[in-house]
Amino acid sequence: MKRIIGFLCGILLSMNLFAQSVSPEVVGTAGSVFTNTNGSISFTVGEAIVETVTDGNYTLTQGFQQANYYLTTIEEKTGANLNIQLFPNPIVKGFNVIHNGEKLLLNIYHINGQLLISNTLSTSSTFIDMSAYAAGTYVVQLYNKKQEIVGIYKIQKLISQ
């Protein structure tokens, strides 16, 4: 009998040692967090059960309440004295680049990162022909003579009619 009681106490003790804690961070329009001395629970309306499991090296969080958020952005840079215009967008055959006449390097990349066009712009108005390329999303980067990015633009090419 002492062994059974000792075994049950050991199980209860080990369950308490490996208890999880869920961070009460919620991004939602409705919900709440309840906390007492024994633990806490948080929820948002319409959210399924959330569980976090960790083994010391890896953490798995199920549900919508994620403790770490990562944001990736593309920053559009333009030079102080540059007035750059790309139009039209979306395009069917090509687009115009109008700028102040400073010598610029134009690179066009497919959305998967492949360099498709590299062209030096030495006049203030240039037409870039993209009729040979498939419909899709392209990224245009413009560099000044110091090899600094002065503009990043997203161009959407439509299917030719």
Protein backbone atom coordinates (compact mmCIF):
# COMPACT_ATOMS: atom_id res chain seq x y z
CA MET A 1 0.00 0.00 0.00
CA LYS A 2 2.90 2.37 0.78
CA ARG A 3 4.32 1.67 -2.67
CA ILE A 4 1.04 2.56 -4.39
CA ILE A 5 0.70 5.80 -2.42
CA GLY A 6 4.36 6.62 -3.09
CA PHE A 7 3.87 5.88 -6.80
CA LEU A 8 0.76 8.12 -7.01
CA CYS A 9 2.52 10.93 -5.14
CA GLY A 10 5.45 10.63 -7.55
CA ILE A 11 3.13 10.89 -10.55
CA LEU A 12 1.35 13.94 -9.11
CA LEU A 13 4.68 15.59 -8.28
CA SER A 14 6.12 14.94 -11.75
CA MET A 15 2.95 16.28 -13.40
CA ASN A 16 3.33 19.49 -11.42
CA LEU A 17 7.03 19.84 -12.34
CA PHE A 18 6.33 19.58 -16.08
CA ALA A 19 3.29 21.89 -16.16
CA GLN A 20 3.17 24.36 -19.00
CA SER A 21 2.61 28.09 -18.86
CA VAL A 22 0.81 29.95 -21.65
CA SER A 23 1.65 33.58 -22.24
CA PRO A 24 -1.53 35.68 -22.08
CA GLU A 25 -0.81 37.60 -25.29
CA VAL A 26 -3.84 37.87 -27.53
CA VAL A 27 -4.36 39.75 -30.77
CA GLY A 28 -8.09 39.72 -31.33
CA THR A 29 -11.25 41.78 -31.19
CA ALA A 30 -12.94 39.88 -28.34
CA GLY A 31 -11.80 37.62 -25.54
CA SER A 32 -10.36 37.71 -22.06
CA VAL A 33 -7.64 36.49 -19.71
CA PHE A 34 -8.38 34.93 -16.32
CA THR A 35 -5.61 34.44 -13.75
CA ASN A 36 -5.51 33.06 -10.22
CA THR A 37 -2.86 31.52 -7.96
CA ASN A 38 -3.12 28.15 -9.74
CA GLY A 39 -2.63 29.41 -13.33
CA SER A 40 -4.20 31.43 -16.09
CA ILE A 41 -6.38 30.93 -19.14
CA SER A 42 -6.89 33.23 -22.10
CA PHE A 43 -9.20 33.00 -25.09
CA THR A 44 -10.52 34.88 -28.08
CA VAL A 45 -13.96 34.46 -29.55
CA GLY A 46 -13.99 31.66 -32.12
CA GLU A 47 -10.54 30.39 -31.16
CA ALA A 48 -9.86 26.71 -30.82
CA ILE A 49 -8.03 25.31 -27.80
CA VAL A 50 -4.46 26.63 -27.55
CA GLU A 51 -1.61 24.56 -26.21
CA THR A 52 2.12 25.22 -25.89
CA VAL A 53 4.52 22.29 -25.51
CA THR A 54 8.27 22.61 -25.07
CA ASP A 55 11.13 20.19 -24.56
CA GLY A 56 13.76 22.82 -23.74
CA ASN A 57 15.05 23.14 -27.30
CA TYR A 58 11.83 23.51 -29.28
CA THR A 59 8.49 25.15 -28.50
CA LEU A 60 5.24 24.27 -30.26
CA THR A 61 2.23 26.57 -29.90
CA GLN A 62 -1.07 25.41 -31.32
CA GLY A 63 -3.82 27.94 -32.06
CA PHE A 64 -3.76 31.66 -32.71
CA GLN A 65 -1.99 32.99 -29.63
CA GLN A 66 1.61 33.15 -30.80
CA ALA A 67 4.12 34.81 -28.48
CA ASN A 68 6.55 35.93 -31.24
CA TYR A 69 5.51 37.98 -34.25
CA TYR A 70 7.81 38.70 -37.17
CA LEU A 71 7.09 41.45 -39.70
CA THR A 72 8.82 41.69 -43.06
CA THR A 73 8.57 44.88 -45.10
CA ILE A 74 9.97 46.35 -48.27
CA GLU A 75 11.10 49.90 -47.70
CA GLU A 76 10.82 52.22 -50.67
CA LYS A 77 13.81 54.55 -50.79
CA THR A 78 14.01 57.59 -52.98
CA GLY A 79 16.88 60.00 -53.29
CA ALA A 80 16.59 63.53 -51.93
CA ASN A 81 16.67 65.22 -55.36
CA LEU A 82 15.11 62.45 -57.43
CA ASN A 83 11.57 62.54 -58.73
CA ILE A 84 10.99 59.07 -60.17
CA GLN A 85 7.74 58.01 -61.82
CA LEU A 86 6.89 54.55 -63.16
CA PHE A 87 3.65 54.24 -65.11
CA PRO A 88 1.31 52.64 -66.01
CA ASN A 89 0.92 50.00 -63.36
CA PRO A 90 -0.43 47.37 -63.94
CA ILE A 91 1.15 46.99 -67.38
CA VAL A 92 0.37 44.99 -70.51
CA LYS A 93 3.42 45.57 -72.74
CA GLY A 94 5.75 47.84 -70.80
CA PHE A 95 6.09 50.93 -68.65
CA ASN A 96 7.67 54.37 -68.69
CA VAL A 97 10.33 55.58 -66.27
CA ILE A 98 10.58 59.34 -65.91
CA HIS A 99 13.20 60.92 -63.65
CA ASN A 100 15.37 64.03 -63.38
CA GLY A 101 17.93 62.81 -65.93
CA GLU A 102 20.55 61.56 -63.49
CA LYS A 103 22.18 58.35 -64.73
CA LEU A 104 20.43 55.39 -63.07
CA LEU A 105 20.77 51.62 -63.23
CA LEU A 106 17.45 49.77 -63.54
CA ASN A 107 17.18 46.10 -62.58
CA ILE A 108 13.97 44.10 -63.01
CA TYR A 109 13.54 40.89 -61.03
CA HIS A 110 10.89 38.22 -61.28
CA ILE A 111 9.08 37.75 -57.98
CA ASN A 112 11.19 34.59 -57.39
CA GLY A 113 14.37 36.73 -57.40
CA GLN A 114 15.66 36.01 -60.92
CA LEU A 115 17.26 39.06 -62.61
CA LEU A 116 15.54 39.57 -65.98
CA ILE A 117 16.57 43.03 -67.20
CA SER A 118 19.50 45.29 -66.33
CA ASN A 119 19.51 48.61 -68.13
CA THR A 120 21.24 51.98 -67.69
CA LEU A 121 18.88 54.95 -67.87
CA SER A 122 20.72 58.01 -69.15
CA THR A 123 17.77 60.03 -70.45
CA SER A 124 14.94 61.50 -68.38
CA SER A 125 12.28 59.35 -70.08
CA THR A 126 12.67 55.66 -70.97
CA PHE A 127 10.16 53.01 -72.07
CA ILE A 128 10.89 49.53 -70.71
CA ASP A 129 9.46 46.81 -72.97
CA MET A 130 8.28 43.72 -71.10
CA SER A 131 6.10 42.20 -73.81
CA ALA A 132 8.37 39.12 -73.98
CA TYR A 133 7.69 38.27 -70.32
CA ALA A 134 4.77 36.35 -68.83
CA ALA A 135 2.04 37.89 -66.74
CA GLY A 136 3.03 38.14 -63.09
CA THR A 137 4.62 40.30 -60.43
CA TYR A 138 8.01 41.95 -60.99
CA VAL A 139 10.24 44.06 -58.74
CA VAL A 140 12.00 47.11 -60.21
CA GLN A 141 15.07 48.45 -58.40
CA LEU A 142 16.76 51.71 -59.32
CA TYR A 143 20.35 52.52 -58.30
CA ASN A 144 22.25 55.82 -58.45
CA LYS A 145 25.88 56.19 -59.57
CA LYS A 146 27.05 55.36 -56.01
CA GLN A 147 25.30 51.95 -56.29
CA GLU A 148 22.74 53.02 -53.64
CA ILE A 149 19.13 51.92 -54.06
CA VAL A 150 17.03 55.01 -54.77
CA GLY A 151 13.76 53.26 -55.57
CA ILE A 152 12.04 49.88 -55.26
CA TYR A 153 8.75 49.35 -57.09
CA LYS A 154 6.41 46.43 -57.65
CA ILE A 155 5.04 46.09 -61.21
CA GLN A 156 2.10 43.84 -62.06
CA LYS A 157 2.06 42.55 -65.67
CA LEU A 158 -1.33 41.51 -67.02
CA ILE A 159 -2.12 39.01 -69.77
CA SER A 160 -2.08 40.63 -73.24
CA GLN A 161 -5.49 40.77 -74.91
